[in-house]
Amino acid sequence: MKVPIITGPTACGKTDLSIALAQRMDGEIVCLDSRQIYKHLDIGTAKPSTQDMEKVTHHLFGFIEPSASYSAYDYRNDALSCIQKILSSGHMPILVGGTGLYIDCLMKGVIEVGSDYGLRKHLMRMEEESPGSLRKILFSIDSQSGERISENDIKRTVRAIEIYVLTGKKMSSLVNNTNVKSEFDFDIIVFDRDRKELYERIDRRTEDMLSQGMVMETSELIKRYPESCNALNTLGYKQIIAYLKGRMGYEEAVNRIKFETHHYARRQIIYFRRFQNARWINLSSKKDEEIKNELFDYIRRGK
């Protein structure tokens, strides 16, 4: 049985369409987003609302503490276990989210590499003393991982450098060459939109997040967790933290969120193009009902 993966750039419209599909196919949604897994990061990650989660069963959303360490290896184990339980209950698992690395680790597996606390601490100190320095190091040793990892994701940047130092191998090569045979046959569906429309949607969603209370949400988060924890290095939260700490004006923070999210969406699209045999659907060219019918027929046929 093929297990559908619905992915696409941020703000393209994955949530609403996937919920409609799950309702129609007696499905349950599994998170495929490396930020929506965290507790308390709700508004700024565009996590499905309480009302959305009442429509269909959702899994792996908001179950990890922002200060906790959680790897792609951990995600693979949790997601595969979740998929098996959903199938055993007679329902359809539908994975939804925009984290390309998670798709890779589900399909190819992940090689476990140990960690070195002293090295991590040293790298973090380097980044604090010279912001952007780790990004330069990563591109010099593993440009493919540099393209995959968000510039805001310090944790994974450190991890990629750590893997190279400990093994002498690039993280991208370890992921690409694992070739672990998955017990499931994944069918990747990539949603996209015309670029101008996508950027307009990103900008509107940014404004919506702010009107819904993202500044207050961020303020509460930094009272409970250190600013340096991985979850708070998320696009959007990082800029709002800079505003709350007086390092950036409000308008500058908002404009930076929009601009950097445009850039992030471009990088996601480039990443998704690597998936061979993925089915691409341009949401700008079709009406929602037409897309729902097309998705339903496509997945039901298992083609």
Protein backbone atom coordinates (compact mmCIF):
# COMPACT_ATOMS: atom_id res chain seq x y z
CA MET A 1 0.00 0.00 0.00
CA LYS A 2 1.30 3.44 -0.90
CA VAL A 3 1.50 6.00 1.89
CA PRO A 4 0.95 9.56 0.61
CA ILE A 5 3.29 12.39 1.52
CA ILE A 6 1.88 15.86 0.91
CA THR A 7 4.60 18.46 0.88
CA GLY A 8 5.35 21.84 -0.66
CA PRO A 9 6.73 25.25 0.25
CA THR A 10 5.56 27.07 3.33
CA ALA A 11 2.17 28.83 3.07
CA CYS A 12 1.21 27.06 -0.17
CA GLY A 13 -1.96 25.58 1.35
CA LYS A 14 -1.05 22.08 2.52
CA THR A 15 -3.07 22.10 5.74
CA ASP A 16 -6.58 22.78 4.44
CA LEU A 17 -6.33 20.43 1.47
CA SER A 18 -4.78 17.61 3.47
CA ILE A 19 -7.52 17.82 6.11
CA ALA A 20 -10.19 17.70 3.38
CA LEU A 21 -8.44 14.68 1.85
CA ALA A 22 -8.14 12.91 5.22
CA GLN A 23 -11.85 13.43 5.89
CA ARG A 24 -12.73 11.95 2.52
CA MET A 25 -10.36 8.96 2.80
CA ASP A 26 -10.83 8.13 6.50
CA GLY A 27 -7.27 9.27 7.00
CA GLU A 28 -5.12 10.47 9.87
CA ILE A 29 -2.46 13.15 9.50
CA VAL A 30 1.16 12.67 10.58
CA CYS A 31 3.36 15.74 11.04
CA LEU A 32 6.19 16.13 8.53
CA ASP A 33 7.37 19.52 9.83
CA SER A 34 10.49 19.90 11.97
CA ARG A 35 9.03 22.91 13.81
CA GLN A 36 5.43 21.89 14.34
CA ILE A 37 6.65 18.96 16.45
CA TYR A 38 7.43 21.38 19.30
CA LYS A 39 5.10 22.24 22.15
CA HIS A 40 3.98 25.87 22.56
CA LEU A 41 5.21 26.98 19.11
CA ASP A 42 1.73 27.28 17.68
CA ILE A 43 1.10 30.58 15.93
CA GLY A 44 4.59 31.08 14.51
CA THR A 45 4.77 27.60 12.97
CA ALA A 46 1.23 27.77 11.50
CA LYS A 47 0.40 24.61 13.41
CA PRO A 48 -3.09 23.23 12.61
CA SER A 49 -5.68 24.85 14.86
CA THR A 50 -7.65 23.07 17.56
CA GLN A 51 -10.64 23.12 15.20
CA ASP A 52 -8.54 21.53 12.43
CA MET A 53 -7.35 18.78 14.78
CA GLU A 54 -10.93 18.04 15.80
CA LYS A 55 -11.86 17.31 12.18
CA VAL A 56 -9.35 14.47 11.78
CA THR A 57 -6.81 12.76 14.04
CA HIS A 58 -3.36 14.38 14.02
CA HIS A 59 -0.10 12.77 15.16
CA LEU A 60 3.36 14.10 16.18
CA PHE A 61 2.25 17.72 16.49
CA GLY A 62 3.42 19.62 19.57
CA PHE A 63 4.81 16.67 21.48
CA ILE A 64 8.46 17.71 22.00
CA GLU A 65 9.69 20.28 24.55
CA PRO A 66 11.39 23.24 22.78
CA SER A 67 14.53 22.67 24.85
CA ALA A 68 14.75 18.95 24.01
CA SER A 69 17.13 17.34 21.55
CA TYR A 70 15.30 15.61 18.70
CA SER A 71 17.03 14.24 15.62
CA ALA A 72 15.95 13.10 12.17
CA TYR A 73 16.70 9.58 13.41
CA ASP A 74 14.23 10.09 16.27
CA TYR A 75 11.65 11.42 13.86
CA ARG A 76 12.01 8.43 11.53
CA ASN A 77 11.41 5.99 14.36
CA ASP A 78 8.40 7.91 15.68
CA ALA A 79 6.85 8.45 12.25
CA LEU A 80 7.23 4.83 11.10
CA SER A 81 5.71 3.60 14.35
CA CYS A 82 2.85 6.04 13.91
CA ILE A 83 2.22 4.96 10.31
CA GLN A 84 2.10 1.31 11.34
CA LYS A 85 -0.43 1.99 14.11
CA ILE A 86 -2.68 3.98 11.76
CA LEU A 87 -2.61 1.24 9.13
CA SER A 88 -3.30 -1.40 11.78
CA SER A 89 -6.41 0.53 12.79
CA GLY A 90 -7.67 0.39 9.20
CA HIS A 91 -7.10 4.08 8.46
CA MET A 92 -4.99 5.91 5.88
CA PRO A 93 -1.83 7.69 7.15
CA ILE A 94 -1.19 10.98 5.33
CA LEU A 95 2.11 12.68 6.04
CA VAL A 96 1.93 16.46 5.73
CA GLY A 97 4.67 19.07 6.00
CA GLY A 98 7.53 20.83 4.30
CA THR A 99 10.68 19.34 5.86
CA GLY A 100 12.55 17.68 3.01
CA LEU A 101 15.11 16.09 5.32
CA TYR A 102 12.33 14.17 7.07
CA ILE A 103 11.14 12.82 3.71
CA ASP A 104 14.69 11.70 2.93
CA CYS A 105 15.14 9.96 6.24
CA LEU A 106 11.80 8.13 5.88
CA MET A 107 12.65 6.86 2.41
CA LYS A 108 16.38 6.23 2.79
CA GLY A 109 17.06 5.89 6.49
CA VAL A 110 19.59 7.72 8.66
CA ILE A 111 22.95 6.50 9.91
CA GLU A 112 23.43 7.10 13.62
CA VAL A 113 26.59 9.04 14.49
CA GLY A 114 27.58 9.76 18.07
CA SER A 115 27.93 13.26 19.48
CA ASP A 116 30.70 15.26 21.12
CA TYR A 117 29.40 17.73 23.72
CA GLY A 118 32.71 19.60 23.90
CA LEU A 119 32.80 20.08 20.14
CA ARG A 120 29.20 21.27 20.06
CA LYS A 121 29.87 23.76 22.83
CA HIS A 122 32.93 25.05 20.99
CA LEU A 123 30.97 25.47 17.75
CA MET A 124 28.14 27.30 19.51
CA ARG A 125 30.66 29.65 21.11
CA MET A 126 32.16 30.33 17.69
CA GLU A 127 28.72 31.24 16.33
CA GLU A 128 27.99 33.54 19.28
CA GLU A 129 31.29 35.35 18.82
CA SER A 130 30.99 35.53 15.02
CA PRO A 131 27.40 35.07 13.74
CA GLY A 132 27.34 33.31 10.39
CA SER A 133 30.73 31.64 10.84
CA LEU A 134 29.29 28.13 11.10
CA ARG A 135 27.32 28.66 7.93
CA LYS A 136 30.55 29.42 6.07
CA ILE A 137 32.24 26.35 7.54
CA LEU A 138 29.32 24.12 6.56
CA PHE A 139 29.34 25.29 2.93
CA SER A 140 33.09 24.75 2.75
CA ILE A 141 32.83 21.11 3.87
CA ASP A 142 29.34 20.05 2.73
CA SER A 143 27.58 22.46 0.39
CA GLN A 144 24.71 20.02 -0.21
CA SER A 145 23.82 20.02 3.49
CA GLY A 146 24.27 23.78 3.46
CA GLU A 147 21.58 24.05 0.80
CA ARG A 148 19.26 21.75 2.71
CA ILE A 149 19.63 23.28 6.17
CA SER A 150 17.95 26.60 6.92
CA GLU A 151 20.31 29.44 7.79
CA ASN A 152 18.28 29.85 10.98
CA ASP A 153 18.76 26.23 12.02
CA ILE A 154 21.89 26.42 14.14
CA LYS A 155 21.29 23.00 15.69
CA ARG A 156 21.42 21.13 12.39
CA THR A 157 24.29 23.27 11.15
CA VAL A 158 26.29 22.27 14.23
CA ARG A 159 25.25 18.64 13.75
CA ALA A 160 26.41 18.58 10.12
CA ILE A 161 29.81 20.00 11.09
CA GLU A 162 30.03 17.60 14.04
CA ILE A 163 29.36 14.59 11.80
CA TYR A 164 32.09 15.70 9.40
CA VAL A 165 34.62 16.18 12.21
CA LEU A 166 33.78 12.84 13.87
CA THR A 167 33.56 10.68 10.75
CA GLY A 168 35.33 12.57 7.99
CA LYS A 169 32.17 12.14 5.92
CA LYS A 170 29.56 14.64 4.78
CA MET A 171 26.15 14.41 6.43
CA SER A 172 24.55 14.61 2.98
CA SER A 173 26.47 11.53 1.82
CA LEU A 174 25.44 9.56 4.91
CA VAL A 175 21.79 10.34 4.21
CA ASN A 176 22.02 9.82 0.46
CA ASN A 177 23.88 6.51 0.65
CA THR A 178 22.04 4.75 3.44
CA ASN A 179 19.50 3.22 1.05
CA VAL A 180 17.63 1.51 3.88
CA LYS A 181 14.65 -0.27 2.39
CA SER A 182 11.52 1.16 3.98
CA GLU A 183 8.68 -1.19 4.79
CA PHE A 184 6.33 1.40 3.27
CA ASP A 185 6.00 2.65 -0.30
CA PHE A 186 5.80 6.44 -0.10
CA ASP A 187 4.06 8.50 -2.79
CA ILE A 188 5.25 12.12 -2.79
CA ILE A 189 2.83 14.86 -3.86
CA VAL A 190 4.29 18.35 -4.06
CA PHE A 191 2.00 21.37 -3.90
CA ASP A 192 3.26 24.54 -5.52
CA ARG A 193 1.92 27.95 -6.55
CA ASP A 194 2.90 30.68 -8.96
CA ARG A 195 5.76 32.50 -7.27
CA LYS A 196 4.06 35.91 -6.99
CA GLU A 197 0.98 34.36 -5.42
CA LEU A 198 3.09 32.26 -3.04
CA TYR A 199 4.98 35.31 -1.79
CA GLU A 200 1.73 37.21 -1.32
CA ARG A 201 0.36 34.31 0.72
CA ILE A 202 3.53 34.29 2.85
CA ASP A 203 3.19 38.01 3.52
CA ARG A 204 -0.50 37.69 4.44
CA ARG A 205 0.19 34.77 6.72
CA THR A 206 2.95 36.72 8.45
CA GLU A 207 0.51 39.56 9.12
CA ASP A 208 -2.11 37.06 10.31
CA MET A 209 0.35 35.47 12.73
CA LEU A 210 1.17 38.84 14.21
CA SER A 211 -2.49 39.79 14.58
CA GLN A 212 -3.16 36.42 16.25
CA GLY A 213 -0.59 37.15 18.97
CA MET A 214 2.77 35.85 17.80
CA VAL A 215 4.64 38.56 19.71
CA MET A 216 2.93 37.54 22.96
CA GLU A 217 3.52 33.86 22.21
CA THR A 218 7.22 34.55 21.66
CA SER A 219 7.42 36.64 24.81
CA GLU A 220 6.01 33.76 26.85
CA LEU A 221 8.40 31.29 25.22
CA ILE A 222 11.55 33.23 26.14
CA LYS A 223 10.34 33.40 29.73
CA ARG A 224 10.30 29.60 29.87
CA TYR A 225 13.16 28.58 27.58
CA PRO A 226 16.65 29.93 26.81
CA GLU A 227 16.87 31.99 23.65
CA SER A 228 19.64 29.66 22.44
CA CYS A 229 17.47 26.51 22.37
CA ASN A 230 17.01 25.02 18.93
CA ALA A 231 13.25 25.53 18.67
CA LEU A 232 13.60 29.29 19.11
CA ASN A 233 16.04 29.49 16.21
CA THR A 234 12.98 29.10 14.02
CA LEU A 235 12.25 31.59 11.25
CA GLY A 236 9.82 34.17 12.62
CA TYR A 237 10.48 33.57 16.30
CA LYS A 238 14.12 34.52 15.84
CA GLN A 239 13.21 37.93 14.41
CA ILE A 240 10.52 38.59 17.02
CA ILE A 241 12.99 37.71 19.78
CA ALA A 242 15.42 40.25 18.28
CA TYR A 243 12.62 42.84 18.41
CA LEU A 244 11.68 41.98 22.01
CA LYS A 245 15.34 42.16 23.06
CA GLY A 246 15.74 45.59 21.44
CA ARG A 247 18.11 44.43 18.73
CA MET A 248 15.70 45.20 15.91
CA GLY A 249 12.74 47.52 15.31
CA TYR A 250 9.28 46.06 14.86
CA GLU A 251 8.89 46.96 11.18
CA GLU A 252 12.36 45.65 10.42
CA ALA A 253 11.53 42.38 12.17
CA VAL A 254 8.32 41.96 10.17
CA ASN A 255 10.03 42.74 6.87
CA ARG A 256 12.86 40.34 7.70
CA ILE A 257 10.38 37.55 8.43
CA LYS A 258 8.67 38.07 5.07
CA PHE A 259 11.90 38.34 3.09
CA GLU A 260 13.58 35.34 4.73
CA THR A 261 10.43 33.24 4.38
CA HIS A 262 10.41 34.00 0.64
CA HIS A 263 13.99 32.78 0.51
CA TYR A 264 13.16 29.69 2.56
CA ALA A 265 10.27 28.81 0.22
CA ARG A 266 12.60 29.03 -2.79
CA ARG A 267 15.05 26.66 -1.12
CA GLN A 268 12.26 24.22 -0.27
CA ILE A 269 11.15 24.10 -3.90
CA ILE A 270 14.72 23.42 -5.05
CA TYR A 271 14.97 20.61 -2.50
CA PHE A 272 11.69 18.99 -3.55
CA ARG A 273 12.83 18.87 -7.17
CA ARG A 274 15.28 16.16 -6.12
CA PHE A 275 12.48 13.68 -5.48
CA GLN A 276 12.12 11.55 -8.57
CA ASN A 277 8.61 10.51 -9.61
CA ALA A 278 7.00 13.07 -7.29
CA ARG A 279 3.65 14.37 -8.54
CA TRP A 280 3.59 18.18 -8.70
CA ILE A 281 0.31 20.10 -8.45
CA ASN A 282 0.17 23.84 -9.09
CA LEU A 283 -2.56 25.11 -6.79
CA SER A 284 -2.69 28.45 -8.61
CA SER A 285 -4.07 26.85 -11.76
CA LYS A 286 -6.97 24.86 -10.29
CA LYS A 287 -9.93 25.33 -7.96
CA ASP A 288 -9.86 23.66 -4.55
CA GLU A 289 -12.66 21.23 -5.35
CA GLU A 290 -10.92 20.14 -8.54
CA ILE A 291 -7.69 19.55 -6.61
CA LYS A 292 -9.49 17.55 -3.91
CA ASN A 293 -11.09 15.30 -6.51
CA GLU A 294 -7.80 14.86 -8.35
CA LEU A 295 -5.95 13.97 -5.13
CA PHE A 296 -8.65 11.56 -4.01
CA ASP A 297 -8.70 9.72 -7.34
CA TYR A 298 -4.90 9.66 -7.59
CA ILE A 299 -4.34 8.23 -4.12
CA ARG A 300 -7.25 5.80 -4.33
CA ARG A 301 -5.80 4.33 -7.53
CA GLY A 302 -2.42 4.03 -5.83
CA LYS A 303 -0.64 5.43 -8.87
